[in-house]
Amino acid sequence: MTHADASWSTARLAAVLSLPQPTQPAPVSGFSTDTRTLEPGQVFVALRGEQHDGHHFVEQAHARGAVAVVVDHATSTPGCLVVPDTLRAYADIAADHLRGLRPGLSVVAVTGSSGKTSTKDLMASVFGAVRRTVAPTGSLNNEVGLPATVLSAGADTQVLVLEMGMRGLGHISYLCRIAPPDFSVVLNVGSAHIGELGSREAIAAAKSEIVTGAAPGATVVLNADDPLVSAMAASAPGSVLMFGQSAAADVRATDVTLSAEGAPTFRLHLPQVEPQLVALQVLGRHQVLNACAAAAAAHAAGLAAQDIATGLMQAQSRSRWRMERRVRADGLVVINDAYNANPESMAAAIAALAGQRGAGRTIAVLGEMRELGSWSEAAHVELGRLTRESGIDLVVAVGAAGLQIAQGRGAEGTVCVESVADALAVASAECGAADVVLCKASRSIGLERVGMALIEQFGTVSP
């Protein structure tokens, strides 16, 4: 559900959708794709999805007070606006909404094979500390979630932070047509979606659409440490700012240390200012690069160095199951990072787990990394080897991919199980009060349930 600014009406909506003007225009208070949250005076857009078809709820939308309903075929329900494609109509509505908010609003968009959501959350904290900022909670980074975020921006919004995901060529270009970024950030090119695209070079081409699809004169923020990313500078429509940990980066981190819980502290170097000492609250050494990306975008947008450092230090995860650390009442530490997984994010999470300094054991509950195609078996075997070399004490490996993880790790310190329920049973029996347990797999595996259940067993939770 989104709330429109005062200029929206059924007349403006008809113009955007290239439909005849209504005889009696009415004000529009917002847009919704879910009748459960629809409010009177809003427009309902009936989208077709894998699980649900909004056209089945058109009558319900009318009964709840929708001022108009956008559909792709004529119905008997009053107030229906018929378009060829409701998803494209939703994109057109969001794009027109954003045009109406410019030039007083800047769009900051981020993509990458891993770290998008964490970086988006860091940017939301940095920009939000000094400017009126809208950013999504979670990963609303596709052709449904991104327009919803755009439509949630209002006339007083100064910065709109967006995350752009992709499943193939053309996906990010589609999102950029809705919201051309003024500041485009590319984190990395890894192996997520390599099963569909076939190579890291093809993934780089898909990710580079956030550069070629940026607004005229936009600033592009690129990872100096990733050759496939830094090469995108040649396509930049405006200036380029590099971030990373190498000396070639314009924005970089030095003197990185980790707390006992795994939170990084480092010196942040920005162009032409004194280094800033930054102590993050989020976990994992990999967050340092994400913080540099967020800092580079903020610097490009004109934020002061001290404000950038303060915003980074105040940042906490706004999105569930991403290095989400909880301490059970008996002292067990649970790191629930089960929202998604690919080889790069798995490696980062394993490194964060191995860096935990405590009296107990390190335990990893791991499941399948999906969308890797023919690379899948080798990637899971390599993951098992990584857990062994990183010194993880116990691995609970789930499903068929778990057998491949066990192949790479070896039998010692490995328990293979068939299901999430089995993984919870083993973890419940094995985890002690001084241990640290990580749960991670691709989202569809559902390993976040293990982390949540482990915490709930003792009832009391402390952050």
Protein backbone atom coordinates (compact mmCIF):
# COMPACT_ATOMS: atom_id res chain seq x y z
CA MET A 1 0.00 0.00 0.00
CA THR A 2 1.30 3.43 -0.93
CA HIS A 3 0.01 6.94 -0.39
CA ALA A 4 -0.11 9.37 -3.30
CA ASP A 5 0.65 13.07 -3.21
CA ALA A 6 -2.21 15.55 -3.51
CA SER A 7 -1.82 15.93 -7.28
CA TRP A 8 -3.03 12.40 -8.03
CA SER A 9 -6.56 12.00 -9.38
CA THR A 10 -8.38 9.61 -11.67
CA ALA A 11 -7.83 12.20 -14.41
CA ARG A 12 -4.05 12.05 -13.99
CA LEU A 13 -4.24 8.27 -13.78
CA ALA A 14 -6.16 8.05 -17.04
CA ALA A 15 -3.61 10.31 -18.75
CA VAL A 16 -0.71 8.17 -17.53
CA LEU A 17 -2.42 5.01 -18.79
CA SER A 18 -3.43 6.62 -22.13
CA LEU A 19 -7.13 6.09 -21.38
CA PRO A 20 -10.11 8.41 -21.96
CA GLN A 21 -10.62 11.08 -19.32
CA PRO A 22 -13.28 10.32 -16.69
CA THR A 23 -16.47 12.38 -16.78
CA GLN A 24 -16.24 12.99 -13.03
CA PRO A 25 -12.57 13.01 -11.88
CA ALA A 26 -11.96 11.96 -8.29
CA PRO A 27 -8.96 12.39 -6.01
CA VAL A 28 -6.66 9.40 -5.53
CA SER A 29 -5.21 8.89 -2.04
CA GLY A 30 -2.81 6.09 -2.95
CA PHE A 31 -2.17 2.82 -4.77
CA SER A 32 -2.44 -0.78 -3.61
CA THR A 33 -1.81 -4.24 -5.02
CA ASP A 34 -3.24 -6.02 -1.96
CA THR A 35 -6.90 -5.72 -0.98
CA ARG A 36 -6.05 -6.70 2.60
CA THR A 37 -4.37 -3.33 3.13
CA LEU A 38 -6.33 -1.25 0.61
CA GLU A 39 -7.92 1.92 2.01
CA PRO A 40 -10.92 3.88 0.70
CA GLY A 41 -9.94 6.35 -2.02
CA GLN A 42 -7.02 4.30 -3.30
CA VAL A 43 -6.51 2.69 -6.70
CA PHE A 44 -6.22 -1.10 -6.79
CA VAL A 45 -3.82 -2.49 -9.41
CA ALA A 46 -4.63 -6.13 -10.18
CA LEU A 47 -1.30 -7.85 -10.73
CA ARG A 48 -0.84 -11.43 -11.89
CA GLY A 49 1.72 -13.39 -9.85
CA GLU A 50 2.92 -16.97 -9.48
CA GLN A 51 0.75 -17.56 -6.41
CA HIS A 52 -2.12 -15.08 -6.75
CA ASP A 53 -4.00 -13.17 -9.43
CA GLY A 54 -5.24 -9.76 -8.34
CA HIS A 55 -8.12 -10.00 -10.81
CA HIS A 56 -9.76 -12.48 -8.43
CA PHE A 57 -10.07 -9.68 -5.86
CA VAL A 58 -11.49 -6.88 -8.02
CA GLU A 59 -14.94 -7.03 -6.43
CA GLN A 60 -13.39 -7.03 -2.98
CA ALA A 61 -11.32 -3.95 -3.89
CA HIS A 62 -14.47 -2.13 -5.02
CA ALA A 63 -16.26 -3.12 -1.81
CA ARG A 64 -13.38 -1.75 0.26
CA GLY A 65 -13.72 1.66 -1.38
CA ALA A 66 -11.25 1.62 -4.25
CA VAL A 67 -11.76 4.75 -6.35
CA ALA A 68 -10.59 2.83 -9.45
CA VAL A 69 -9.31 -0.64 -10.34
CA VAL A 70 -6.64 -1.27 -13.00
CA VAL A 71 -7.25 -4.57 -14.82
CA ASP A 72 -6.17 -6.25 -18.05
CA HIS A 73 -9.65 -7.28 -19.20
CA ALA A 74 -13.15 -5.87 -18.89
CA THR A 75 -15.21 -6.86 -15.84
CA SER A 76 -18.65 -6.01 -14.52
CA THR A 77 -17.18 -4.23 -11.51
CA PRO A 78 -17.62 -0.43 -11.63
CA GLY A 79 -14.55 1.81 -11.93
CA CYS A 80 -12.36 -0.61 -13.88
CA LEU A 81 -9.62 0.83 -16.09
CA VAL A 82 -8.60 -1.72 -18.73
CA VAL A 83 -4.95 -1.78 -19.86
CA PRO A 84 -2.94 -4.33 -21.87
CA ASP A 85 -0.60 -5.18 -18.97
CA THR A 86 -1.25 -4.25 -15.33
CA LEU A 87 2.39 -4.76 -14.31
CA ARG A 88 3.52 -2.30 -16.97
CA ALA A 89 0.75 0.06 -15.90
CA TYR A 90 2.05 -0.12 -12.32
CA ALA A 91 5.51 0.78 -13.60
CA ASP A 92 4.13 3.71 -15.60
CA ILE A 93 2.25 5.02 -12.57
CA ALA A 94 5.38 4.85 -10.40
CA ALA A 95 7.53 6.50 -13.07
CA ASP A 96 5.07 9.38 -13.44
CA HIS A 97 4.88 9.75 -9.66
CA LEU A 98 8.66 10.06 -9.47
CA ARG A 99 8.80 12.61 -12.29
CA GLY A 100 6.39 14.72 -10.30
CA LEU A 101 8.73 14.71 -7.29
CA ARG A 102 11.85 15.75 -9.18
CA PRO A 103 14.11 17.72 -9.15
CA GLY A 104 13.69 18.03 -5.38
CA LEU A 105 14.35 14.32 -4.88
CA SER A 106 17.51 12.28 -5.61
CA VAL A 107 17.43 8.55 -6.42
CA VAL A 108 20.25 6.41 -5.00
CA ALA A 109 20.18 2.84 -6.33
CA VAL A 110 22.36 -0.17 -5.55
CA THR A 111 22.90 -3.54 -7.20
CA GLY A 112 25.39 -6.38 -6.87
CA SER A 113 25.55 -10.14 -6.61
CA SER A 114 25.70 -9.93 -2.82
CA GLY A 115 25.36 -7.25 -0.18
CA LYS A 116 22.60 -5.21 -1.87
CA THR A 117 20.18 -5.22 1.03
CA SER A 118 22.83 -4.62 3.68
CA THR A 119 24.22 -1.68 1.70
CA LYS A 120 20.73 -0.32 1.11
CA ASP A 121 20.16 -0.39 4.87
CA LEU A 122 23.48 1.39 5.50
CA MET A 123 22.62 4.06 2.93
CA ALA A 124 19.18 4.52 4.46
CA SER A 125 20.82 5.22 7.82
CA VAL A 126 23.45 7.59 6.42
CA PHE A 127 21.10 9.63 4.24
CA GLY A 128 18.27 9.43 6.75
CA ALA A 129 20.36 11.07 9.45
CA VAL A 130 20.47 14.39 7.57
CA ARG A 131 17.86 14.24 4.80
CA ARG A 132 14.25 13.11 4.55
CA THR A 133 14.79 9.63 3.15
CA VAL A 134 12.56 6.81 1.92
CA ALA A 135 13.98 3.29 1.63
CA PRO A 136 12.34 -0.13 1.55
CA THR A 137 12.40 -2.58 4.43
CA GLY A 138 13.59 -5.94 3.16
CA SER A 139 14.39 -6.72 -0.47
CA LEU A 140 11.71 -4.92 -2.46
CA ASN A 141 14.01 -4.97 -5.46
CA ASN A 142 11.92 -6.32 -8.33
CA GLU A 143 9.28 -5.09 -10.77
CA VAL A 144 6.62 -5.15 -8.03
CA GLY A 145 8.56 -4.06 -4.95
CA LEU A 146 10.48 -1.19 -6.54
CA PRO A 147 7.41 0.67 -7.87
CA ALA A 148 5.77 0.24 -4.46
CA THR A 149 8.78 1.93 -2.84
CA VAL A 150 8.76 4.73 -5.41
CA LEU A 151 5.06 5.35 -4.76
CA SER A 152 5.73 5.61 -1.02
CA ALA A 153 7.86 8.73 -1.58
CA GLY A 154 6.11 12.04 -0.97
CA ALA A 155 6.52 15.70 -1.80
CA ASP A 156 8.82 16.16 1.21
CA THR A 157 11.13 13.23 0.31
CA GLN A 158 14.68 14.35 -0.47
CA VAL A 159 16.37 10.98 -1.02
CA LEU A 160 14.88 7.75 -2.38
CA VAL A 161 17.11 4.72 -1.73
CA LEU A 162 16.37 1.75 -3.99
CA GLU A 163 17.71 -1.77 -4.34
CA MET A 164 17.73 -3.23 -7.84
CA GLY A 165 17.81 -6.99 -8.28
CA MET A 166 18.01 -8.96 -11.49
CA ARG A 167 17.29 -12.44 -12.77
CA GLY A 168 18.56 -11.84 -16.28
CA LEU A 169 19.39 -9.32 -18.96
CA GLY A 170 17.03 -6.38 -19.18
CA HIS A 171 15.65 -6.61 -15.64
CA ILE A 172 17.64 -3.72 -14.20
CA SER A 173 17.02 -1.66 -17.34
CA TYR A 174 13.30 -2.11 -16.70
CA LEU A 175 13.71 -0.84 -13.12
CA CYS A 176 15.84 2.09 -14.27
CA ARG A 177 13.11 3.18 -16.66
CA ILE A 178 10.86 3.52 -13.62
CA ALA A 179 13.46 5.26 -11.46
CA PRO A 180 16.60 6.44 -13.31
CA PRO A 181 19.26 6.74 -10.56
CA ASP A 182 21.09 9.98 -9.85
CA PHE A 183 23.64 7.88 -7.98
CA SER A 184 24.22 4.30 -9.19
CA VAL A 185 26.14 1.90 -6.94
CA VAL A 186 27.54 -1.45 -8.12
CA LEU A 187 28.94 -3.63 -5.33
CA ASN A 188 30.30 -6.74 -7.03
CA VAL A 189 29.85 -9.36 -9.71
CA GLY A 190 29.65 -12.84 -8.24
CA SER A 191 28.05 -16.12 -9.18
CA ALA A 192 24.45 -15.54 -8.07
CA HIS A 193 22.19 -16.39 -11.06
CA ILE A 194 25.11 -17.91 -12.95
CA GLY A 195 22.85 -20.87 -13.71
CA GLU A 196 20.63 -18.61 -15.81
CA LEU A 197 23.25 -16.31 -17.32
CA GLY A 198 26.11 -18.74 -17.82
CA SER A 199 29.13 -16.62 -16.89
CA ARG A 200 30.29 -13.82 -14.63
CA GLU A 201 30.81 -11.67 -17.72
CA ALA A 202 27.13 -12.05 -18.59
CA ILE A 203 26.20 -11.21 -14.99
CA ALA A 204 28.39 -8.09 -15.25
CA ALA A 205 26.54 -7.06 -18.41
CA ALA A 206 23.21 -7.40 -16.60
CA LYS A 207 24.46 -5.49 -13.55
CA SER A 208 25.91 -2.70 -15.72
CA GLU A 209 22.39 -1.73 -16.74
CA ILE A 210 22.22 0.34 -13.54
CA VAL A 211 25.05 2.42 -15.06
CA THR A 212 23.72 2.75 -18.62
CA GLY A 213 20.19 3.29 -17.30
CA ALA A 214 21.14 6.06 -14.89
CA ALA A 215 19.88 9.61 -15.23
CA PRO A 216 21.89 11.95 -17.50
CA GLY A 217 24.96 13.19 -15.66
CA ALA A 218 24.49 10.69 -12.82
CA THR A 219 27.40 9.78 -10.55
CA VAL A 220 28.40 6.12 -10.70
CA VAL A 221 29.89 4.50 -7.59
CA LEU A 222 31.95 1.40 -8.42
CA ASN A 223 33.97 -1.24 -6.56
CA ALA A 224 37.62 -0.61 -7.37
CA ASP A 225 38.55 -4.09 -6.12
CA ASP A 226 36.34 -5.95 -8.64
CA PRO A 227 37.68 -5.70 -12.23
CA LEU A 228 34.29 -6.51 -13.77
CA VAL A 229 32.74 -3.67 -11.79
CA SER A 230 35.47 -1.07 -12.22
CA ALA A 231 35.34 -1.65 -15.99
CA MET A 232 31.80 -0.23 -15.97
CA ALA A 233 33.32 3.25 -15.59
CA ALA A 234 33.63 3.38 -19.38
CA SER A 235 29.82 3.45 -19.64
CA ALA A 236 29.21 6.06 -16.94
CA PRO A 237 26.97 8.98 -17.97
CA GLY A 238 28.75 11.32 -15.55
CA SER A 239 31.45 11.26 -12.89
CA VAL A 240 32.79 8.05 -11.31
CA LEU A 241 33.73 7.45 -7.69
CA MET A 242 35.59 4.28 -6.73
CA PHE A 243 35.31 2.55 -3.36
CA GLY A 244 37.15 -0.40 -1.87
CA GLN A 245 40.11 -1.30 0.27
CA SER A 246 42.83 -0.86 -2.33
CA ALA A 247 44.90 2.30 -2.69
CA ALA A 248 43.20 2.92 -6.05
CA ALA A 249 39.86 3.59 -4.34
CA ASP A 250 38.64 7.16 -3.79
CA VAL A 251 36.74 5.96 -0.71
CA ARG A 252 38.45 3.21 1.23
CA ALA A 253 38.88 1.55 4.60
CA THR A 254 42.06 0.89 6.55
CA ASP A 255 42.96 -0.52 9.98
CA VAL A 256 40.02 -2.91 10.07
CA THR A 257 39.47 -4.78 13.33
CA LEU A 258 36.59 -6.93 14.60
CA SER A 259 34.95 -6.95 18.02
CA ALA A 260 34.40 -10.20 19.87
CA GLU A 261 30.89 -10.26 18.36
CA GLY A 262 32.25 -9.68 14.85
CA ALA A 263 31.36 -5.99 14.36
CA PRO A 264 34.01 -4.09 12.34
CA THR A 265 35.83 -0.91 13.29
CA PHE A 266 37.91 0.90 10.67
CA ARG A 267 39.21 4.22 9.40
CA LEU A 268 37.13 5.62 6.57
CA HIS A 269 39.07 7.64 3.99
CA LEU A 270 37.06 10.13 1.93
CA PRO A 271 38.50 12.53 -0.67
CA GLN A 272 40.12 15.67 0.73
CA VAL A 273 39.09 15.21 4.37
CA GLU A 274 40.63 13.69 7.48
CA PRO A 275 39.95 9.95 7.98
CA GLN A 276 36.91 9.15 10.11
CA LEU A 277 36.88 6.39 12.73
CA VAL A 278 33.83 4.19 12.16
CA ALA A 279 32.55 1.43 14.46
CA LEU A 280 29.71 -0.51 12.82
CA GLN A 281 26.94 -2.30 14.66
CA VAL A 282 26.33 -4.78 11.84
CA LEU A 283 28.33 -8.02 11.78
CA GLY A 284 31.03 -9.32 9.47
CA ARG A 285 34.20 -8.03 7.83
CA HIS A 286 32.33 -7.97 4.51
CA GLN A 287 30.24 -5.10 5.87
CA VAL A 288 33.28 -2.82 5.61
CA LEU A 289 33.07 -2.82 1.81
CA ASN A 290 29.32 -2.26 1.98
CA ALA A 291 29.95 0.69 4.31
CA CYS A 292 32.50 2.13 1.90
CA ALA A 293 29.94 1.90 -0.92
CA ALA A 294 27.33 3.68 1.17
CA ALA A 295 29.87 6.32 2.21
CA ALA A 296 30.91 6.91 -1.40
CA ALA A 297 27.30 7.44 -2.50
CA ALA A 298 26.72 9.84 0.39
CA HIS A 299 29.92 11.75 -0.34
CA ALA A 300 28.94 12.05 -4.00
CA ALA A 301 25.60 13.46 -2.87
CA GLY A 302 27.33 16.14 -0.81
CA LEU A 303 27.05 14.83 2.74
CA ALA A 304 29.72 15.88 5.23
CA ALA A 305 32.30 13.32 6.34
CA GLN A 306 31.28 13.46 9.99
CA ASP A 307 27.61 12.97 9.09
CA ILE A 308 28.55 9.97 6.94
CA ALA A 309 30.54 8.38 9.77
CA THR A 310 27.76 9.02 12.28
CA GLY A 311 25.14 7.55 9.97
CA LEU A 312 27.21 4.41 9.45
CA MET A 313 27.72 3.94 13.17
CA GLN A 314 24.01 4.32 13.85
CA ALA A 315 23.03 1.82 11.17
CA GLN A 316 21.28 -1.40 12.08
CA SER A 317 19.77 -3.99 9.79
CA ARG A 318 16.30 -2.94 8.64
CA SER A 319 15.76 -6.30 6.96
CA ARG A 320 15.10 -9.68 8.54
CA TRP A 321 17.40 -12.69 8.46
CA ARG A 322 20.51 -10.89 7.24
CA MET A 323 23.30 -11.46 9.77
CA GLU A 324 20.56 -11.06 12.38
CA ARG A 325 22.26 -11.71 15.72
CA ARG A 326 20.26 -12.74 18.76
CA VAL A 327 21.39 -14.01 22.14
CA ARG A 328 19.22 -16.63 23.77
CA ALA A 329 18.45 -16.40 27.50
CA ASP A 330 20.98 -19.15 28.25
CA GLY A 331 23.72 -17.37 26.24
CA LEU A 332 23.52 -19.21 22.91
CA VAL A 333 24.24 -16.80 20.04
CA VAL A 334 22.15 -17.31 16.89
CA ILE A 335 23.14 -15.60 13.62
CA ASN A 336 20.18 -15.90 11.29
CA ASP A 337 21.43 -15.08 7.78
CA ALA A 338 18.98 -17.34 5.97
CA TYR A 339 17.28 -14.83 3.68
CA ASN A 340 19.38 -15.86 0.70
CA ALA A 341 22.70 -17.40 -0.27
CA ASN A 342 25.27 -17.62 -3.04
CA PRO A 343 28.93 -18.64 -2.90
CA GLU A 344 30.15 -15.12 -2.10
CA SER A 345 27.63 -14.41 0.65
CA MET A 346 28.20 -17.90 2.08
CA ALA A 347 31.93 -17.25 2.28
CA ALA A 348 31.31 -13.92 4.03
CA ALA A 349 28.96 -15.51 6.55
CA ILE A 350 31.35 -18.39 7.27
CA ALA A 351 34.17 -15.88 7.82
CA ALA A 352 31.94 -13.93 10.22
CA LEU A 353 31.09 -17.11 12.13
CA ALA A 354 34.74 -18.17 12.31
CA GLY A 355 35.61 -14.73 13.67
CA GLN A 356 33.35 -15.14 16.69
CA ARG A 357 35.45 -15.32 19.82
CA GLY A 358 33.77 -17.21 22.62
CA ALA A 359 34.14 -20.15 24.94
CA GLY A 360 31.92 -22.50 22.96
CA ARG A 361 31.78 -24.03 19.52
CA THR A 362 30.97 -22.52 16.13
CA ILE A 363 28.10 -24.37 14.41
CA ALA A 364 26.84 -23.81 10.87
CA VAL A 365 23.43 -25.03 9.70
CA LEU A 366 23.75 -24.86 5.91
CA GLY A 367 21.45 -25.63 3.00
CA GLU A 368 21.33 -25.34 -0.76
CA MET A 369 22.47 -22.30 -2.73
CA ARG A 370 20.07 -22.24 -5.65
CA GLU A 371 20.24 -20.84 -9.21
CA LEU A 372 23.81 -22.02 -9.76
CA GLY A 373 23.01 -24.43 -12.60
CA SER A 374 25.88 -26.71 -13.62
CA TRP A 375 28.16 -24.94 -11.10
CA SER A 376 26.02 -26.08 -8.16
CA GLU A 377 27.77 -29.31 -7.13
CA ALA A 378 31.27 -27.81 -7.26
CA ALA A 379 30.10 -24.75 -5.32
CA HIS A 380 28.65 -26.85 -2.51
CA VAL A 381 31.72 -29.06 -2.32
CA GLU A 382 33.83 -25.91 -2.10
CA LEU A 383 31.58 -24.59 0.65
CA GLY A 384 32.21 -27.74 2.66
CA ARG A 385 35.95 -27.34 2.19
CA LEU A 386 35.70 -23.71 3.30
CA THR A 387 33.96 -24.65 6.55
CA ARG A 388 36.76 -27.10 7.33
CA GLU A 389 39.55 -24.67 6.53
CA SER A 390 37.80 -21.91 8.49
CA GLY A 391 37.76 -24.07 11.61
CA ILE A 392 33.98 -24.34 11.99
CA ASP A 393 33.44 -26.96 14.69
CA LEU A 394 30.19 -28.51 13.48
CA VAL A 395 28.23 -28.34 10.22
CA VAL A 396 24.62 -29.48 9.96
CA ALA A 397 24.17 -29.97 6.20
CA VAL A 398 20.60 -30.06 4.90
CA GLY A 399 19.17 -31.91 1.89
CA ALA A 400 20.82 -33.19 -1.27
CA ALA A 401 23.17 -30.20 -1.40
CA GLY A 402 24.14 -31.08 2.17
CA LEU A 403 25.68 -34.30 0.92
CA GLN A 404 27.88 -32.26 -1.42
CA ILE A 405 28.84 -29.95 1.45
CA ALA A 406 29.77 -33.02 3.47
CA GLN A 407 31.84 -34.31 0.55
CA GLY A 408 33.96 -31.18 0.63
CA ARG A 409 34.19 -31.00 4.41
CA GLY A 410 34.70 -34.64 5.30
CA ALA A 411 32.84 -36.77 7.84
CA GLU A 412 34.40 -35.30 10.95
CA GLY A 413 32.24 -32.62 12.49
CA THR A 414 29.50 -33.05 9.88
CA VAL A 415 25.91 -34.18 10.32
CA CYS A 416 23.76 -34.65 7.21
CA VAL A 417 19.98 -34.34 7.54
CA GLU A 418 17.12 -34.48 5.06
CA SER A 419 14.88 -31.63 6.17
CA VAL A 420 14.64 -28.33 8.02
CA ALA A 421 12.82 -30.11 10.84
CA ASP A 422 15.70 -32.60 11.12
CA ALA A 423 18.19 -29.73 11.14
CA LEU A 424 16.34 -28.09 14.03
CA ALA A 425 16.33 -31.33 15.97
CA VAL A 426 20.08 -31.76 15.57
CA ALA A 427 20.83 -28.11 16.30
CA SER A 428 18.62 -28.17 19.41
CA ALA A 429 20.46 -31.20 20.73
CA GLU A 430 23.95 -29.96 19.83
CA CYS A 431 23.87 -26.24 20.68
CA GLY A 432 25.12 -25.28 24.10
CA ALA A 433 24.93 -22.04 26.05
CA ALA A 434 28.36 -20.79 24.96
CA ASP A 435 28.03 -21.74 21.28
CA VAL A 436 27.46 -19.59 18.20
CA VAL A 437 25.24 -21.01 15.47
CA LEU A 438 24.80 -19.68 11.91
CA CYS A 439 21.79 -20.54 9.72
CA LYS A 440 22.17 -19.89 5.99
CA ALA A 441 20.76 -21.13 2.68
CA SER A 442 18.75 -19.83 -0.24
CA ARG A 443 15.44 -18.32 0.83
CA SER A 444 13.23 -21.13 -0.47
CA ILE A 445 14.94 -23.67 1.80
CA GLY A 446 13.44 -22.04 4.90
CA LEU A 447 16.41 -22.30 7.26
CA GLU A 448 15.39 -19.05 8.96
CA ARG A 449 12.91 -21.24 10.85
CA VAL A 450 15.78 -23.04 12.56
CA GLY A 451 17.26 -19.81 13.87
CA MET A 452 13.88 -18.49 15.00
CA ALA A 453 12.98 -21.74 16.76
CA LEU A 454 16.32 -21.95 18.56
CA ILE A 455 15.70 -18.51 20.04
CA GLU A 456 12.08 -19.25 20.93
CA GLN A 457 12.99 -22.38 22.86
CA PHE A 458 14.06 -20.30 25.86
CA GLY A 459 11.45 -17.58 25.50
CA THR A 460 13.60 -14.57 26.38
CA VAL A 461 15.56 -12.80 23.67
CA SER A 462 18.25 -10.13 24.02
CA PRO A 463 19.83 -8.34 21.03
